[in-house]
Amino acid sequence: MREVHTAPDIDAVDAALRQLSPGAEHLLRARFGIGAAAPRRRDVIPRRRLRQLEASAFRTLRLNALGSQTS
């Protein structure tokens, strides 16, 4: 059976990102072009630090999602 991928619900993505710190929210919005025409370049922050910040933001999103599923 073939999987069908649908576009994420914009409101759900915005709500999830608003749960992050302002800096983490801005980082992910800029990195993935959320609310912008296209993703931005990552050359302002060193790549290693950028990966650390992204990992932390994704970890927070996962924990928040898990917490909301158990409620």
N, C-alpha and C. Protein backbone atom coordinates (compact mmCIF):
# COMPACT_ATOMS: atom_id res chain seq x y z
N MET A 1 0.84 -1.17 0.00
CA MET A 1 0.00 0.00 0.00
C MET A 1 0.89 1.24 0.00
N ARG A 2 0.52 2.21 -0.75
CA ARG A 2 1.29 3.44 -0.87
C ARG A 2 0.83 4.46 0.18
N GLU A 3 1.80 5.10 0.83
CA GLU A 3 1.49 6.14 1.82
C GLU A 3 1.11 7.43 1.11
N VAL A 4 0.15 8.11 1.68
CA VAL A 4 -0.26 9.40 1.16
C VAL A 4 0.21 10.46 2.15
N HIS A 5 1.01 11.40 1.67
CA HIS A 5 1.50 12.48 2.51
C HIS A 5 0.68 13.73 2.24
N THR A 6 0.24 14.34 3.32
CA THR A 6 -0.54 15.57 3.17
C THR A 6 0.26 16.73 3.74
N ALA A 7 -0.08 17.91 3.32
CA ALA A 7 0.58 19.11 3.84
C ALA A 7 0.19 19.28 5.30
N PRO A 8 1.14 19.71 6.12
CA PRO A 8 0.81 19.90 7.54
C PRO A 8 -0.18 21.05 7.72
N ASP A 9 -0.96 20.96 8.75
CA ASP A 9 -1.92 22.01 9.09
C ASP A 9 -1.13 23.22 9.58
N ILE A 10 -1.24 24.33 8.87
CA ILE A 10 -0.48 25.54 9.18
C ILE A 10 -0.74 26.01 10.61
N ASP A 11 -1.99 25.96 11.03
CA ASP A 11 -2.33 26.40 12.39
C ASP A 11 -1.66 25.52 13.44
N ALA A 12 -1.61 24.21 13.19
CA ALA A 12 -0.98 23.29 14.13
C ALA A 12 0.52 23.53 14.21
N VAL A 13 1.15 23.80 13.07
CA VAL A 13 2.59 24.09 13.04
C VAL A 13 2.86 25.39 13.80
N ASP A 14 2.07 26.42 13.55
CA ASP A 14 2.25 27.69 14.26
C ASP A 14 2.08 27.51 15.76
N ALA A 15 1.07 26.77 16.16
CA ALA A 15 0.83 26.55 17.59
C ALA A 15 2.00 25.81 18.23
N ALA A 16 2.54 24.82 17.53
CA ALA A 16 3.68 24.07 18.07
C ALA A 16 4.91 24.96 18.19
N LEU A 17 5.17 25.77 17.18
CA LEU A 17 6.34 26.64 17.20
C LEU A 17 6.23 27.71 18.28
N ARG A 18 5.02 28.17 18.55
CA ARG A 18 4.83 29.19 19.59
C ARG A 18 5.15 28.66 20.98
N GLN A 19 5.21 27.34 21.15
CA GLN A 19 5.55 26.75 22.44
C GLN A 19 7.05 26.84 22.74
N LEU A 20 7.83 27.13 21.71
CA LEU A 20 9.28 27.23 21.87
C LEU A 20 9.68 28.61 22.37
N SER A 21 10.94 28.72 22.77
CA SER A 21 11.46 30.05 23.11
C SER A 21 11.45 30.90 21.84
N PRO A 22 11.40 32.22 21.97
CA PRO A 22 11.38 33.07 20.77
C PRO A 22 12.56 32.79 19.83
N GLY A 23 13.74 32.57 20.40
CA GLY A 23 14.91 32.30 19.56
C GLY A 23 14.80 31.00 18.80
N ALA A 24 14.32 29.94 19.47
CA ALA A 24 14.17 28.64 18.81
C ALA A 24 13.08 28.71 17.75
N GLU A 25 12.00 29.42 18.07
CA GLU A 25 10.92 29.58 17.09
C GLU A 25 11.45 30.29 15.84
N HIS A 26 12.17 31.38 16.05
CA HIS A 26 12.73 32.13 14.92
C HIS A 26 13.69 31.26 14.10
N LEU A 27 14.52 30.50 14.79
CA LEU A 27 15.50 29.64 14.12
C LEU A 27 14.80 28.65 13.20
N LEU A 28 13.79 27.94 13.71
CA LEU A 28 13.11 26.95 12.89
C LEU A 28 12.30 27.59 11.77
N ARG A 29 11.67 28.73 12.05
CA ARG A 29 10.93 29.40 10.99
C ARG A 29 11.87 29.84 9.86
N ALA A 30 13.02 30.40 10.23
CA ALA A 30 13.98 30.84 9.21
C ALA A 30 14.60 29.66 8.49
N ARG A 31 14.93 28.62 9.22
CA ARG A 31 15.60 27.45 8.64
C ARG A 31 14.74 26.75 7.60
N PHE A 32 13.44 26.63 7.89
CA PHE A 32 12.55 25.88 7.01
C PHE A 32 11.61 26.76 6.19
N GLY A 33 11.80 28.08 6.27
CA GLY A 33 11.00 28.98 5.45
C GLY A 33 9.54 29.03 5.85
N ILE A 34 9.27 28.82 7.14
CA ILE A 34 7.89 28.84 7.62
C ILE A 34 7.48 30.31 7.78
N GLY A 35 6.48 30.72 7.03
CA GLY A 35 6.04 32.10 7.07
C GLY A 35 6.87 33.01 6.18
N ALA A 36 7.71 32.42 5.36
CA ALA A 36 8.56 33.19 4.43
C ALA A 36 8.49 32.51 3.06
N ALA A 37 8.98 33.18 2.07
CA ALA A 37 8.93 32.64 0.71
C ALA A 37 9.84 31.42 0.53
N ALA A 38 10.99 31.42 1.19
CA ALA A 38 11.94 30.32 1.02
C ALA A 38 12.82 30.20 2.25
N PRO A 39 13.40 29.01 2.48
CA PRO A 39 14.32 28.86 3.60
C PRO A 39 15.51 29.80 3.46
N ARG A 40 16.02 30.26 4.59
CA ARG A 40 17.17 31.17 4.56
C ARG A 40 18.46 30.39 4.73
N ARG A 41 19.53 31.02 4.32
CA ARG A 41 20.85 30.40 4.46
C ARG A 41 21.25 30.34 5.92
N ARG A 42 22.12 29.38 6.23
CA ARG A 42 22.51 29.16 7.61
C ARG A 42 23.90 29.71 7.93
N ASP A 43 24.44 30.57 7.10
CA ASP A 43 25.83 30.98 7.28
C ASP A 43 26.05 31.99 8.40
N VAL A 44 24.99 32.47 9.04
CA VAL A 44 25.14 33.44 10.12
C VAL A 44 25.60 32.75 11.41
N ILE A 45 25.11 31.56 11.67
CA ILE A 45 25.45 30.79 12.87
C ILE A 45 26.35 29.63 12.44
N PRO A 46 27.42 29.36 13.19
CA PRO A 46 28.25 28.20 12.85
C PRO A 46 27.41 26.92 12.78
N ARG A 47 27.71 26.06 11.84
CA ARG A 47 26.90 24.86 11.60
C ARG A 47 26.74 23.98 12.83
N ARG A 48 27.80 23.81 13.57
CA ARG A 48 27.71 22.94 14.76
C ARG A 48 26.71 23.51 15.77
N ARG A 49 26.77 24.80 16.01
CA ARG A 49 25.85 25.44 16.95
C ARG A 49 24.43 25.40 16.41
N LEU A 50 24.27 25.58 15.11
CA LEU A 50 22.96 25.52 14.50
C LEU A 50 22.35 24.14 14.69
N ARG A 51 23.14 23.09 14.47
CA ARG A 51 22.63 21.73 14.68
C ARG A 51 22.22 21.51 16.13
N GLN A 52 22.99 22.05 17.07
CA GLN A 52 22.65 21.91 18.49
C GLN A 52 21.33 22.62 18.79
N LEU A 53 21.17 23.83 18.28
CA LEU A 53 19.94 24.58 18.51
C LEU A 53 18.73 23.89 17.87
N GLU A 54 18.89 23.38 16.65
CA GLU A 54 17.81 22.68 15.99
C GLU A 54 17.43 21.42 16.77
N ALA A 55 18.43 20.65 17.21
CA ALA A 55 18.16 19.43 17.97
C ALA A 55 17.40 19.75 19.25
N SER A 56 17.80 20.80 19.93
CA SER A 56 17.13 21.21 21.16
C SER A 56 15.68 21.61 20.88
N ALA A 57 15.46 22.37 19.83
CA ALA A 57 14.11 22.80 19.48
C ALA A 57 13.23 21.61 19.11
N PHE A 58 13.77 20.68 18.34
CA PHE A 58 13.00 19.49 17.96
C PHE A 58 12.71 18.61 19.17
N ARG A 59 13.65 18.52 20.08
CA ARG A 59 13.45 17.75 21.32
C ARG A 59 12.29 18.36 22.12
N THR A 60 12.27 19.67 22.23
CA THR A 60 11.20 20.36 22.94
C THR A 60 9.85 20.12 22.26
N LEU A 61 9.82 20.19 20.93
CA LEU A 61 8.57 19.94 20.21
C LEU A 61 8.08 18.51 20.44
N ARG A 62 9.00 17.53 20.41
CA ARG A 62 8.62 16.14 20.64
C ARG A 62 8.06 15.96 22.05
N LEU A 63 8.74 16.53 23.04
CA LEU A 63 8.28 16.40 24.43
C LEU A 63 6.92 17.06 24.62
N ASN A 64 6.72 18.22 24.01
CA ASN A 64 5.42 18.89 24.09
C ASN A 64 4.33 18.07 23.42
N ALA A 65 4.65 17.45 22.28
CA ALA A 65 3.67 16.62 21.57
C ALA A 65 3.33 15.39 22.39
N LEU A 66 4.31 14.77 23.00
CA LEU A 66 4.06 13.60 23.84
C LEU A 66 3.21 13.97 25.04
N GLY A 67 3.49 15.11 25.63
CA GLY A 67 2.73 15.58 26.78
C GLY A 67 1.28 15.85 26.45
N SER A 68 1.02 16.37 25.27
CA SER A 68 -0.35 16.70 24.89
C SER A 68 -1.13 15.43 24.52
N GLN A 69 -0.43 14.37 24.14
CA GLN A 69 -1.12 13.12 23.79
C GLN A 69 -1.58 12.37 25.03
N THR A 70 -0.89 12.56 26.15
CA THR A 70 -1.25 11.84 27.36
C THR A 70 -2.34 12.55 28.15
N SER A 71 -2.66 13.78 27.77
CA SER A 71 -3.68 14.54 28.50
C SER A 71 -5.07 14.16 28.09
